Amino acid sequence: MSVNKEVKRITTHILQAMKQRGEKIAMLTAYDYSMATILDDAGLDVLLVGDSASNVMAGHETTLPITLDQMIYHAQSVVRGASRALVVVDLPFGSYQGNSKEALNSAIRIMKESGAHAVKMEGGTEIVESVQRIITAGIPVMGHLGLTPQSIYKFGTYTVRAKDEAEAYKLKTDAKALQEAGCFAVVLEKIPATLGKEVSEALDIPTIGIGAGPDCDGQVLVVNDMIGLTKGFKPRFLRQYVNLYDGILNAAQSYIKDVKSSDFPNEKEQY
């Protein structure tokens, strides 16, 4: 059991201490107030307002369409529901890739308008200048390497990344560069478990894995996938803890039946 149950608010320094003592970091995505409240009450260490909202909340095929304004809206909702967890917000596609000044302005908007505690950015050495500029402004940054969904059209596939020696070497170089730039943690997505272990052991900052093996310092999943709200999405790295899709489907069908038969509302359910 985590000793952090009693802390008022998880911070980046607490995450660093967790890595040092070998305590795993539990992280899930959240996009709205109600879910954030539940996950915060459950004791999650980190809530990620992921650009995966583009997929699971808006129904887009990729994460690319979601805007900075939409990310801020979701972040505002999550922050209101999280009194303990560290809230990290994805910088969406197009809000930081252009130049470091644009990246800083986007990060500042997220922090000022949502009240979140950190931002997350995809990429390695190519975004180091932006990372440094954002951190210089006092904003914590979480990195993201491996499968980076904002670059899906460059990769052309969602398959495992860094299986060959050259790409694995670049990932390790990028991870070191992000650490040296000042990132407080880095997400490793869909890479071989052996590489996840190697990177986690080489870095002083925590690694958060999603399909990157058990030796990362923490794990993250998209909450809608973890609770079975998404239909038909079952990658190898996903452990589904409950099937809410069928539960809600059955409840809705029962409601329809009761309304159609005039069984709802009954005498106890009226004034």
Protein backbone atom coordinates (compact mmCIF):
# COMPACT_ATOMS: atom_id res chain seq x y z
CA MET A 1 0.00 0.00 0.00
CA SER A 2 1.26 3.45 -0.90
CA VAL A 3 2.47 5.66 1.92
CA ASN A 4 1.20 8.58 -0.16
CA LYS A 5 -2.43 7.99 0.86
CA GLU A 6 -2.07 10.68 3.52
CA VAL A 7 -0.45 13.41 1.40
CA LYS A 8 -2.51 16.45 0.51
CA ARG A 9 -1.30 16.65 -3.08
CA ILE A 10 1.03 14.48 -5.16
CA THR A 11 3.89 16.54 -6.59
CA THR A 12 6.70 15.88 -9.05
CA HIS A 13 9.06 15.59 -6.07
CA ILE A 14 6.89 12.85 -4.56
CA LEU A 15 6.99 10.94 -7.85
CA GLN A 16 10.79 11.18 -7.83
CA ALA A 17 10.87 9.85 -4.26
CA MET A 18 8.58 6.98 -5.28
CA LYS A 19 11.04 5.93 -7.97
CA GLN A 20 13.93 6.09 -5.54
CA ARG A 21 12.24 3.79 -3.04
CA GLY A 22 10.83 1.45 -5.70
CA GLU A 23 7.16 2.33 -5.25
CA LYS A 24 5.21 2.06 -8.50
CA ILE A 25 3.31 5.08 -9.84
CA ALA A 26 -0.34 4.55 -10.83
CA MET A 27 -1.63 6.81 -13.59
CA LEU A 28 -4.86 6.86 -15.62
CA THR A 29 -6.40 9.29 -18.07
CA ALA A 30 -9.40 11.44 -17.13
CA TYR A 31 -11.44 13.87 -19.17
CA ASP A 32 -14.33 15.05 -16.98
CA TYR A 33 -15.22 16.03 -13.42
CA SER A 34 -17.18 12.91 -12.45
CA MET A 35 -14.50 10.46 -13.54
CA ALA A 36 -11.73 12.58 -12.03
CA THR A 37 -13.53 12.58 -8.68
CA ILE A 38 -13.83 8.78 -8.68
CA LEU A 39 -10.22 8.20 -9.72
CA ASP A 40 -8.93 10.75 -7.22
CA ASP A 41 -10.93 9.10 -4.43
CA ALA A 42 -9.47 5.74 -5.51
CA GLY A 43 -5.96 7.06 -4.84
CA LEU A 44 -4.46 7.50 -8.32
CA ASP A 45 -1.09 9.23 -8.18
CA VAL A 46 -1.39 10.98 -11.55
CA LEU A 47 -4.37 11.89 -13.74
CA LEU A 48 -3.49 12.52 -17.38
CA VAL A 49 -5.82 14.73 -19.37
CA GLY A 50 -4.81 12.96 -22.53
CA ASP A 51 -5.29 14.07 -26.10
CA SER A 52 -6.86 10.60 -26.36
CA ALA A 53 -10.01 12.59 -25.56
CA SER A 54 -10.00 13.14 -29.31
CA ASN A 55 -10.69 9.41 -29.71
CA VAL A 56 -12.76 8.33 -26.73
CA MET A 57 -14.71 11.54 -26.07
CA ALA A 58 -15.09 13.04 -29.55
CA GLY A 59 -14.95 9.92 -31.73
CA HIS A 60 -12.06 10.96 -33.97
CA GLU A 61 -9.85 8.32 -35.58
CA THR A 62 -6.65 9.96 -34.29
CA THR A 63 -5.55 12.40 -31.60
CA LEU A 64 -4.70 15.08 -34.15
CA PRO A 65 -8.03 16.99 -34.41
CA ILE A 66 -8.36 18.01 -30.75
CA THR A 67 -7.60 21.68 -30.13
CA LEU A 68 -5.84 23.55 -27.35
CA ASP A 69 -9.15 25.13 -26.29
CA GLN A 70 -10.76 21.68 -26.04
CA MET A 71 -7.85 20.33 -24.01
CA ILE A 72 -8.16 23.26 -21.62
CA TYR A 73 -11.90 22.57 -21.22
CA HIS A 74 -11.24 18.92 -20.31
CA ALA A 75 -8.39 19.92 -18.01
CA GLN A 76 -10.58 22.44 -16.16
CA SER A 77 -13.13 19.69 -15.52
CA VAL A 78 -10.54 17.22 -14.23
CA VAL A 79 -8.81 19.75 -11.97
CA ARG A 80 -12.14 20.51 -10.27
CA GLY A 81 -12.50 16.83 -9.43
CA ALA A 82 -8.94 16.07 -8.32
CA SER A 83 -7.92 17.15 -4.83
CA ARG A 84 -4.96 14.77 -4.43
CA ALA A 85 -3.62 13.52 -7.77
CA LEU A 86 -1.08 15.37 -9.90
CA VAL A 87 -2.92 16.54 -13.03
CA VAL A 88 -0.88 16.44 -16.25
CA VAL A 89 -2.27 17.79 -19.54
CA ASP A 90 -1.22 16.83 -23.06
CA LEU A 91 -0.13 19.64 -25.32
CA PRO A 92 -2.18 18.80 -28.43
CA PHE A 93 -0.88 18.43 -31.96
CA GLY A 94 -0.05 21.79 -33.53
CA SER A 95 0.29 23.67 -30.25
CA TYR A 96 4.04 23.21 -29.76
CA GLN A 97 5.71 21.67 -32.82
CA GLY A 98 6.19 24.99 -34.64
CA ASN A 99 8.65 26.71 -32.32
CA SER A 100 9.58 26.99 -28.67
CA LYS A 101 7.76 30.31 -28.21
CA GLU A 102 4.51 28.80 -29.43
CA ALA A 103 5.08 25.81 -27.14
CA LEU A 104 5.60 28.09 -24.15
CA ASN A 105 2.48 30.11 -24.92
CA SER A 106 0.42 26.91 -25.18
CA ALA A 107 1.78 25.58 -21.90
CA ILE A 108 1.11 28.87 -20.14
CA ARG A 109 -2.50 28.88 -21.37
CA ILE A 110 -3.05 25.37 -20.03
CA MET A 111 -1.60 26.20 -16.62
CA LYS A 112 -3.34 29.56 -16.22
CA GLU A 113 -6.75 28.59 -17.59
CA SER A 114 -7.09 25.07 -16.20
CA GLY A 115 -5.14 25.09 -12.94
CA ALA A 116 -3.33 21.88 -13.93
CA HIS A 117 0.08 21.01 -12.52
CA ALA A 118 2.15 19.93 -15.54
CA VAL A 119 2.09 19.39 -19.30
CA LYS A 120 3.10 16.42 -21.45
CA MET A 121 4.80 16.57 -24.85
CA GLU A 122 5.58 13.93 -27.47
CA GLY A 123 9.06 13.75 -28.98
CA GLY A 124 12.75 13.57 -28.19
CA THR A 125 15.73 15.72 -29.14
CA GLU A 126 13.62 17.70 -31.60
CA ILE A 127 11.55 19.24 -28.79
CA VAL A 128 14.34 19.79 -26.24
CA GLU A 129 14.45 23.54 -26.87
CA SER A 130 10.72 23.82 -26.20
CA VAL A 131 10.97 21.66 -23.08
CA GLN A 132 13.73 23.84 -21.68
CA ARG A 133 11.84 27.04 -22.44
CA ILE A 134 8.67 25.76 -20.74
CA ILE A 135 10.55 24.52 -17.68
CA THR A 136 12.40 27.84 -17.42
CA ALA A 137 8.97 29.44 -17.06
CA GLY A 138 8.32 27.22 -14.04
CA ILE A 139 6.07 24.65 -15.74
CA PRO A 140 6.86 20.95 -15.15
CA VAL A 141 7.08 18.82 -18.31
CA MET A 142 6.50 15.08 -18.78
CA GLY A 143 8.02 13.56 -21.91
CA HIS A 144 6.58 10.85 -24.18
CA LEU A 145 8.60 8.44 -26.34
CA GLY A 146 8.05 5.23 -28.30
CA LEU A 147 4.72 5.12 -30.08
CA THR A 148 3.75 8.80 -30.25
CA PRO A 149 0.16 8.98 -31.55
CA GLN A 150 0.50 12.56 -32.81
CA SER A 151 3.01 11.21 -35.34
CA ILE A 152 0.82 8.32 -36.49
CA TYR A 153 0.83 9.43 -40.13
CA LYS A 154 4.63 9.47 -40.12
CA PHE A 155 4.78 5.97 -38.63
CA GLY A 156 1.83 4.70 -40.64
CA THR A 157 1.01 2.07 -38.02
CA TYR A 158 0.28 1.57 -34.33
CA THR A 159 2.64 -1.41 -34.04
CA VAL A 160 5.41 -1.76 -31.46
CA ARG A 161 8.17 0.82 -31.81
CA ALA A 162 11.96 0.59 -31.30
CA LYS A 163 12.28 -3.12 -32.06
CA ASP A 164 15.33 -2.56 -34.27
CA GLU A 165 18.69 -1.48 -32.89
CA ALA A 166 18.79 1.95 -34.55
CA GLU A 167 15.38 3.06 -33.29
CA ALA A 168 16.08 1.65 -29.83
CA TYR A 169 19.33 3.61 -29.68
CA LYS A 170 17.52 6.81 -30.69
CA LEU A 171 14.87 6.24 -28.02
CA LYS A 172 17.54 5.82 -25.35
CA THR A 173 19.30 8.96 -26.59
CA ASP A 174 16.01 10.88 -26.60
CA ALA A 175 15.18 9.71 -23.07
CA LYS A 176 18.52 10.97 -21.78
CA ALA A 177 18.03 14.26 -23.63
CA LEU A 178 14.59 14.79 -22.08
CA GLN A 179 15.99 14.08 -18.63
CA GLU A 180 18.85 16.52 -19.15
CA ALA A 181 16.40 19.12 -20.45
CA GLY A 182 14.57 18.91 -17.13
CA CYS A 183 11.57 16.61 -17.67
CA PHE A 184 10.30 15.20 -14.37
CA ALA A 185 9.13 11.92 -15.97
CA VAL A 186 8.73 10.25 -19.35
CA VAL A 187 6.00 8.02 -20.79
CA LEU A 188 7.23 5.00 -22.76
CA GLU A 189 4.54 3.69 -25.11
CA LYS A 190 4.42 0.35 -26.89
CA ILE A 191 8.09 -0.64 -26.91
CA PRO A 192 9.75 -3.99 -26.09
CA ALA A 193 9.73 -4.78 -22.37
CA THR A 194 13.50 -5.28 -22.35
CA LEU A 195 13.98 -1.77 -23.70
CA GLY A 196 11.51 -0.37 -21.15
CA LYS A 197 13.58 -1.97 -18.40
CA GLU A 198 16.86 -0.67 -19.82
CA VAL A 199 15.60 2.91 -20.12
CA SER A 200 13.99 2.86 -16.68
CA GLU A 201 17.23 1.71 -15.08
CA ALA A 202 19.29 4.27 -17.00
CA LEU A 203 17.19 7.29 -16.03
CA ASP A 204 17.04 9.07 -12.70
CA ILE A 205 13.51 10.32 -13.44
CA PRO A 206 10.45 8.04 -13.37
CA THR A 207 9.26 6.19 -16.46
CA ILE A 208 5.56 5.54 -16.98
CA GLY A 209 4.82 2.61 -19.25
CA ILE A 210 1.92 1.78 -21.52
CA GLY A 211 2.76 -1.43 -23.29
CA ALA A 212 6.39 -1.06 -22.21
CA GLY A 213 6.68 -3.93 -19.72
CA PRO A 214 6.59 -4.31 -15.93
CA ASP A 215 9.93 -2.70 -15.12
CA CYS A 216 8.85 0.89 -15.77
CA ASP A 217 8.46 2.98 -12.62
CA GLY A 218 4.72 3.30 -13.21
CA GLN A 219 1.92 2.41 -15.58
CA VAL A 220 -0.79 4.34 -17.43
CA LEU A 221 -3.90 3.28 -19.33
CA VAL A 222 -6.75 5.11 -21.01
CA VAL A 223 -9.47 4.88 -18.38
CA ASN A 224 -12.24 4.25 -20.94
CA ASP A 225 -10.33 1.17 -22.12
CA MET A 226 -9.53 -0.02 -18.59
CA ILE A 227 -13.19 0.08 -17.49
CA GLY A 228 -14.52 -1.40 -20.71
CA LEU A 229 -16.37 1.60 -22.12
CA THR A 230 -14.69 1.26 -25.50
CA LYS A 231 -16.02 -1.49 -27.74
CA GLY A 232 -13.72 -3.91 -29.52
CA PHE A 233 -10.39 -2.30 -28.52
CA LYS A 234 -8.28 -4.95 -26.79
CA PRO A 235 -4.53 -4.55 -27.42
CA ARG A 236 -2.16 -6.90 -25.64
CA PHE A 237 -1.08 -4.29 -23.07
CA LEU A 238 -4.65 -3.57 -21.92
CA ARG A 239 -6.05 -5.21 -18.78
CA GLN A 240 -9.80 -4.57 -18.61
CA TYR A 241 -10.95 -4.50 -14.99
CA VAL A 242 -14.69 -4.19 -15.62
CA ASN A 243 -17.01 -4.27 -18.64
CA LEU A 244 -19.09 -1.11 -18.38
CA TYR A 245 -20.11 -1.22 -22.04
CA ASP A 246 -22.32 -4.26 -21.48
CA GLY A 247 -23.43 -3.01 -18.06
CA ILE A 248 -24.63 0.34 -19.43
CA LEU A 249 -26.11 -1.30 -22.52
CA ASN A 250 -28.17 -3.66 -20.37
CA ALA A 251 -29.25 -0.86 -18.04
CA ALA A 252 -30.36 1.31 -20.98
CA GLN A 253 -32.32 -1.60 -22.50
CA SER A 254 -34.03 -2.25 -19.14
CA TYR A 255 -34.91 1.45 -18.88
CA ILE A 256 -36.41 1.43 -22.39
CA LYS A 257 -38.48 -1.63 -21.51
CA ASP A 258 -39.78 -0.07 -18.28
CA VAL A 259 -40.70 3.19 -20.00
CA LYS A 260 -42.44 1.47 -22.88
CA SER A 261 -44.46 -0.74 -20.50
CA SER A 262 -45.35 2.22 -18.21
CA ASP A 263 -43.57 0.46 -15.35
CA PHE A 264 -41.38 3.55 -14.83
CA PRO A 265 -42.07 5.70 -12.94
CA ASN A 266 -44.03 3.73 -10.34
CA GLU A 267 -45.94 5.09 -7.33
CA LYS A 268 -42.78 5.48 -5.24
CA GLU A 269 -41.05 7.40 -8.04
CA GLN A 270 -43.56 10.24 -8.35
CA TYR A 271 -44.67 13.23 -6.27
